[in-house]
N, C-alpha and C. Protein backbone atom coordinates (compact mmCIF):
# COMPACT_ATOMS: atom_id res chain seq x y z
N UNK A 1 69.14 -242.74 207.96
CA UNK A 1 69.83 -242.63 206.69
C UNK A 1 71.17 -241.94 206.94
N UNK A 2 72.23 -242.49 206.39
CA UNK A 2 73.56 -241.90 206.54
C UNK A 2 73.64 -240.58 205.79
N UNK A 3 74.52 -239.71 206.24
CA UNK A 3 74.69 -238.40 205.62
C UNK A 3 75.08 -238.53 204.15
N UNK A 4 75.96 -239.49 203.86
CA UNK A 4 76.39 -239.70 202.48
C UNK A 4 75.23 -240.15 201.60
N UNK A 5 74.38 -241.01 202.12
CA UNK A 5 73.21 -241.48 201.38
C UNK A 5 72.27 -240.32 201.10
N UNK A 6 72.03 -239.49 202.11
CA UNK A 6 71.16 -238.32 201.93
C UNK A 6 71.73 -237.38 200.87
N UNK A 7 73.04 -237.16 200.92
CA UNK A 7 73.68 -236.30 199.92
C UNK A 7 73.49 -236.86 198.52
N UNK A 8 73.67 -238.16 198.36
CA UNK A 8 73.50 -238.79 197.04
C UNK A 8 72.05 -238.69 196.56
N UNK A 9 71.10 -238.90 197.47
CA UNK A 9 69.68 -238.77 197.11
C UNK A 9 69.39 -237.34 196.66
N UNK A 10 69.92 -236.37 197.38
CA UNK A 10 69.67 -234.97 197.02
C UNK A 10 70.33 -234.61 195.69
N UNK A 11 71.52 -235.11 195.43
CA UNK A 11 72.13 -234.89 194.12
C UNK A 11 71.26 -235.52 193.02
N UNK A 12 70.75 -236.71 193.29
CA UNK A 12 69.86 -237.34 192.31
C UNK A 12 68.62 -236.52 192.06
N UNK A 13 68.01 -236.02 193.14
CA UNK A 13 66.83 -235.16 192.99
C UNK A 13 67.16 -233.89 192.23
N UNK A 14 68.34 -233.32 192.50
CA UNK A 14 68.76 -232.12 191.79
C UNK A 14 68.89 -232.39 190.30
N UNK A 15 69.52 -233.51 189.93
CA UNK A 15 69.68 -233.83 188.51
C UNK A 15 68.34 -234.10 187.83
N UNK A 16 67.44 -234.78 188.53
CA UNK A 16 66.09 -234.99 187.99
C UNK A 16 65.39 -233.65 187.81
N UNK A 17 65.51 -232.77 188.79
CA UNK A 17 64.90 -231.43 188.71
C UNK A 17 65.49 -230.65 187.53
N UNK A 18 66.82 -230.65 187.41
CA UNK A 18 67.48 -229.95 186.32
C UNK A 18 67.02 -230.48 184.97
N UNK A 19 67.00 -231.80 184.84
CA UNK A 19 66.57 -232.41 183.58
C UNK A 19 65.12 -232.14 183.26
N UNK A 20 64.27 -232.13 184.27
CA UNK A 20 62.84 -231.86 184.06
C UNK A 20 62.60 -230.44 183.59
N UNK A 21 63.25 -229.48 184.25
CA UNK A 21 63.08 -228.08 183.84
C UNK A 21 63.67 -227.88 182.44
N UNK A 22 64.82 -228.50 182.17
CA UNK A 22 65.43 -228.39 180.85
C UNK A 22 64.52 -228.98 179.77
N UNK A 23 63.87 -230.10 180.07
CA UNK A 23 62.97 -230.72 179.11
C UNK A 23 61.78 -229.82 178.81
N UNK A 24 61.23 -229.20 179.84
CA UNK A 24 60.10 -228.28 179.65
C UNK A 24 60.52 -227.09 178.79
N UNK A 25 61.77 -226.66 178.94
CA UNK A 25 62.28 -225.52 178.18
C UNK A 25 62.92 -225.94 176.86
N UNK A 26 62.60 -227.12 176.40
CA UNK A 26 63.06 -227.58 175.09
C UNK A 26 64.53 -227.96 175.03
N UNK A 27 65.11 -228.34 176.15
CA UNK A 27 66.51 -228.76 176.17
C UNK A 27 67.50 -227.61 176.18
N UNK A 28 67.03 -226.40 176.36
CA UNK A 28 67.90 -225.23 176.39
C UNK A 28 68.49 -225.08 177.79
N UNK A 29 69.75 -225.52 177.95
CA UNK A 29 70.36 -225.50 179.28
C UNK A 29 70.64 -224.08 179.76
N UNK A 30 70.93 -223.17 178.85
CA UNK A 30 71.13 -221.78 179.24
C UNK A 30 69.87 -221.19 179.84
N UNK A 31 68.74 -221.47 179.20
CA UNK A 31 67.46 -220.98 179.74
C UNK A 31 67.13 -221.67 181.06
N UNK A 32 67.56 -222.92 181.20
CA UNK A 32 67.29 -223.65 182.44
C UNK A 32 68.03 -223.02 183.61
N UNK A 33 69.31 -222.72 183.41
CA UNK A 33 70.11 -222.12 184.48
C UNK A 33 69.53 -220.76 184.88
N UNK A 34 68.99 -220.02 183.92
CA UNK A 34 68.44 -218.70 184.20
C UNK A 34 66.96 -218.73 184.58
N UNK A 35 66.38 -219.90 184.66
CA UNK A 35 64.95 -220.02 184.95
C UNK A 35 64.66 -219.76 186.43
N UNK A 36 63.74 -218.84 186.73
CA UNK A 36 63.35 -218.63 188.13
C UNK A 36 62.75 -219.88 188.76
N UNK A 37 62.04 -220.67 187.98
CA UNK A 37 61.46 -221.91 188.49
C UNK A 37 62.55 -222.88 188.92
N UNK A 38 63.60 -222.98 188.12
CA UNK A 38 64.73 -223.83 188.46
C UNK A 38 65.40 -223.35 189.75
N UNK A 39 65.61 -222.05 189.87
CA UNK A 39 66.25 -221.49 191.07
C UNK A 39 65.40 -221.73 192.31
N UNK A 40 64.10 -221.52 192.19
CA UNK A 40 63.20 -221.74 193.32
C UNK A 40 63.22 -223.21 193.75
N UNK A 41 63.12 -224.11 192.81
CA UNK A 41 63.15 -225.54 193.13
C UNK A 41 64.47 -225.97 193.77
N UNK A 42 65.57 -225.40 193.29
CA UNK A 42 66.87 -225.70 193.86
C UNK A 42 66.96 -225.20 195.30
N UNK A 43 66.43 -224.01 195.55
CA UNK A 43 66.41 -223.48 196.91
C UNK A 43 65.59 -224.34 197.85
N UNK A 44 64.44 -224.78 197.38
CA UNK A 44 63.59 -225.64 198.21
C UNK A 44 64.29 -226.97 198.48
N UNK A 45 64.97 -227.51 197.48
CA UNK A 45 65.70 -228.77 197.65
C UNK A 45 66.82 -228.62 198.69
N UNK A 46 67.55 -227.52 198.65
CA UNK A 46 68.61 -227.29 199.64
C UNK A 46 68.05 -227.19 201.06
N UNK A 47 66.93 -226.47 201.19
CA UNK A 47 66.30 -226.35 202.51
C UNK A 47 65.77 -227.70 202.99
N UNK A 48 65.18 -228.47 202.08
CA UNK A 48 64.64 -229.78 202.45
C UNK A 48 65.76 -230.72 202.92
N UNK A 49 66.89 -230.67 202.23
CA UNK A 49 68.02 -231.52 202.61
C UNK A 49 68.47 -231.19 204.04
N UNK A 50 68.58 -229.92 204.35
CA UNK A 50 69.01 -229.53 205.69
C UNK A 50 67.94 -229.81 206.74
N UNK A 51 66.68 -229.75 206.35
CA UNK A 51 65.60 -230.10 207.26
C UNK A 51 65.70 -231.57 207.66
N UNK A 52 65.93 -232.43 206.67
CA UNK A 52 66.07 -233.86 206.96
C UNK A 52 67.30 -234.10 207.84
N UNK A 53 68.40 -233.40 207.53
CA UNK A 53 69.60 -233.54 208.37
C UNK A 53 69.33 -233.13 209.81
N UNK A 54 68.57 -232.05 210.00
CA UNK A 54 68.29 -231.60 211.37
C UNK A 54 67.41 -232.60 212.11
N UNK A 55 66.47 -233.22 211.40
CA UNK A 55 65.62 -234.25 212.02
C UNK A 55 66.47 -235.45 212.45
N UNK A 56 67.47 -235.77 211.63
CA UNK A 56 68.34 -236.91 211.93
C UNK A 56 69.47 -236.56 212.90
N UNK A 57 69.51 -235.33 213.32
CA UNK A 57 70.56 -234.86 214.24
C UNK A 57 71.95 -235.01 213.65
N UNK A 58 72.06 -234.78 212.34
CA UNK A 58 73.37 -234.73 211.70
C UNK A 58 73.68 -233.28 211.37
N UNK A 59 74.93 -233.04 211.02
CA UNK A 59 75.38 -231.67 210.79
C UNK A 59 74.69 -231.06 209.58
N UNK A 60 74.13 -229.87 209.79
CA UNK A 60 73.54 -229.11 208.69
C UNK A 60 74.60 -228.15 208.16
N UNK A 61 74.39 -227.67 206.95
CA UNK A 61 75.34 -226.77 206.32
C UNK A 61 74.79 -225.35 206.32
N UNK A 62 75.45 -224.44 207.03
CA UNK A 62 74.99 -223.04 207.01
C UNK A 62 75.01 -222.46 205.60
N UNK A 63 75.98 -222.88 204.78
CA UNK A 63 76.06 -222.38 203.41
C UNK A 63 74.82 -222.77 202.61
N UNK A 64 74.44 -224.05 202.64
CA UNK A 64 73.28 -224.47 201.84
C UNK A 64 71.98 -223.98 202.45
N UNK A 65 71.94 -223.78 203.75
CA UNK A 65 70.74 -223.17 204.36
C UNK A 65 70.61 -221.73 203.88
N UNK A 66 71.72 -220.99 203.91
CA UNK A 66 71.69 -219.60 203.46
C UNK A 66 71.35 -219.48 201.99
N UNK A 67 72.00 -220.29 201.16
CA UNK A 67 71.73 -220.24 199.73
C UNK A 67 70.31 -220.68 199.42
N UNK A 68 69.85 -221.73 200.06
CA UNK A 68 68.48 -222.19 199.86
C UNK A 68 67.46 -221.15 200.27
N UNK A 69 67.72 -220.47 201.39
CA UNK A 69 66.82 -219.42 201.85
C UNK A 69 66.80 -218.25 200.87
N UNK A 70 67.98 -217.83 200.43
CA UNK A 70 68.05 -216.72 199.48
C UNK A 70 67.31 -217.07 198.20
N UNK A 71 67.58 -218.24 197.64
CA UNK A 71 66.91 -218.63 196.39
C UNK A 71 65.40 -218.71 196.56
N UNK A 72 64.96 -219.28 197.67
CA UNK A 72 63.53 -219.43 197.89
C UNK A 72 62.85 -218.09 198.12
N UNK A 73 63.42 -217.26 198.97
CA UNK A 73 62.80 -215.97 199.29
C UNK A 73 62.82 -215.03 198.08
N UNK A 74 63.90 -215.04 197.33
CA UNK A 74 64.01 -214.14 196.18
C UNK A 74 63.15 -214.61 195.02
N UNK A 75 63.16 -215.91 194.73
CA UNK A 75 62.49 -216.39 193.53
C UNK A 75 61.03 -216.76 193.72
N UNK A 76 60.57 -216.99 194.92
CA UNK A 76 59.15 -217.30 195.12
C UNK A 76 58.25 -216.17 194.63
N UNK A 77 58.53 -214.89 194.96
CA UNK A 77 57.67 -213.82 194.43
C UNK A 77 57.73 -213.73 192.90
N UNK A 78 58.90 -214.02 192.34
CA UNK A 78 59.03 -213.96 190.88
C UNK A 78 58.22 -215.05 190.21
N UNK A 79 58.30 -216.27 190.73
CA UNK A 79 57.59 -217.39 190.12
C UNK A 79 56.09 -217.28 190.33
N UNK A 80 55.67 -216.97 191.54
CA UNK A 80 54.24 -216.99 191.86
C UNK A 80 53.52 -215.68 191.59
N UNK A 81 54.23 -214.54 191.69
CA UNK A 81 53.57 -213.25 191.52
C UNK A 81 54.08 -212.44 190.34
N UNK A 82 55.16 -212.89 189.72
CA UNK A 82 55.72 -212.16 188.59
C UNK A 82 56.50 -210.92 189.00
N UNK A 83 56.90 -210.83 190.28
CA UNK A 83 57.63 -209.68 190.79
C UNK A 83 59.13 -209.92 190.61
N UNK A 84 59.82 -209.01 189.92
CA UNK A 84 61.25 -209.16 189.67
C UNK A 84 62.07 -208.55 190.80
N UNK A 85 63.14 -209.22 191.18
CA UNK A 85 64.04 -208.75 192.23
C UNK A 85 65.38 -208.41 191.57
N UNK A 86 65.63 -207.13 191.25
CA UNK A 86 66.81 -206.78 190.47
C UNK A 86 68.14 -206.85 191.22
N UNK A 87 68.13 -206.90 192.54
CA UNK A 87 69.38 -206.87 193.30
C UNK A 87 69.95 -208.26 193.58
N UNK A 88 69.38 -209.32 193.03
CA UNK A 88 69.86 -210.67 193.32
C UNK A 88 71.32 -210.87 192.94
N UNK A 89 71.77 -210.46 191.75
CA UNK A 89 73.20 -210.67 191.43
C UNK A 89 74.13 -210.02 192.46
N UNK A 90 73.82 -208.80 192.87
CA UNK A 90 74.67 -208.13 193.86
C UNK A 90 74.64 -208.88 195.19
N UNK A 91 73.48 -209.38 195.57
CA UNK A 91 73.36 -210.13 196.82
C UNK A 91 74.20 -211.40 196.79
N UNK A 92 74.20 -212.10 195.67
CA UNK A 92 74.99 -213.32 195.54
C UNK A 92 76.48 -213.01 195.57
N UNK A 93 76.89 -211.90 194.94
CA UNK A 93 78.31 -211.51 194.96
C UNK A 93 78.74 -211.19 196.39
N UNK A 94 77.92 -210.44 197.11
CA UNK A 94 78.24 -210.10 198.50
C UNK A 94 78.34 -211.36 199.35
N UNK A 95 77.40 -212.29 199.18
CA UNK A 95 77.44 -213.55 199.93
C UNK A 95 78.73 -214.31 199.62
N UNK A 96 79.11 -214.36 198.34
CA UNK A 96 80.35 -215.04 197.95
C UNK A 96 81.58 -214.42 198.58
N UNK A 97 81.65 -213.09 198.57
CA UNK A 97 82.79 -212.39 199.17
C UNK A 97 82.86 -212.66 200.67
N UNK A 98 81.71 -212.62 201.34
CA UNK A 98 81.68 -212.90 202.78
C UNK A 98 82.18 -214.32 203.07
N UNK A 99 81.76 -215.29 202.25
CA UNK A 99 82.21 -216.67 202.44
C UNK A 99 83.72 -216.80 202.23
N UNK A 100 84.24 -216.13 201.21
CA UNK A 100 85.68 -216.19 200.93
C UNK A 100 86.47 -215.58 202.08
N UNK A 101 86.05 -214.41 202.54
CA UNK A 101 86.74 -213.75 203.64
C UNK A 101 86.68 -214.61 204.91
N UNK A 102 85.52 -215.18 205.18
CA UNK A 102 85.38 -216.04 206.35
C UNK A 102 86.29 -217.26 206.28
N UNK A 103 86.39 -217.86 205.10
CA UNK A 103 87.26 -219.03 204.93
C UNK A 103 88.72 -218.66 205.11
N UNK A 104 89.12 -217.53 204.57
CA UNK A 104 90.51 -217.09 204.69
C UNK A 104 90.84 -216.78 206.15
N UNK A 105 89.93 -216.12 206.84
CA UNK A 105 90.18 -215.75 208.24
C UNK A 105 90.27 -216.97 209.14
N UNK A 106 89.47 -217.99 208.89
CA UNK A 106 89.51 -219.17 209.76
C UNK A 106 90.72 -220.06 209.48
N UNK A 107 91.24 -220.02 208.26
CA UNK A 107 92.40 -220.83 207.92
C UNK A 107 93.71 -220.11 208.19
N UNK A 108 93.65 -218.85 208.53
CA UNK A 108 94.84 -218.05 208.84
C UNK A 108 95.86 -218.10 207.70
N UNK A 109 95.39 -217.79 206.49
CA UNK A 109 96.28 -217.77 205.34
C UNK A 109 97.29 -216.63 205.43
N UNK A 110 96.90 -215.56 206.09
CA UNK A 110 97.76 -214.38 206.14
C UNK A 110 98.27 -214.13 207.53
């Protein structure tokens, strides 16, 4: 399967996942975005996409592997055990800042 085809399939799966969770939550998109179940499923989807890419010996994305791992590890205890992880927003902000700094340093903007 070509990388572009895999990407399109994963986007399709993401949209089906988003729509399914939104339907269960009565069409409330705000609640869907904030749903731990939605976050966990999205993390698993990102990891699955990179797993298929690695099997096909195509380039995997460190960003989506990292984000998928964070979402899965953080939200699995919340979904399955009801354990809340209060530091997730700070962790996502730190990850975003690290990505921005890394991008700026590699492009030699300054």
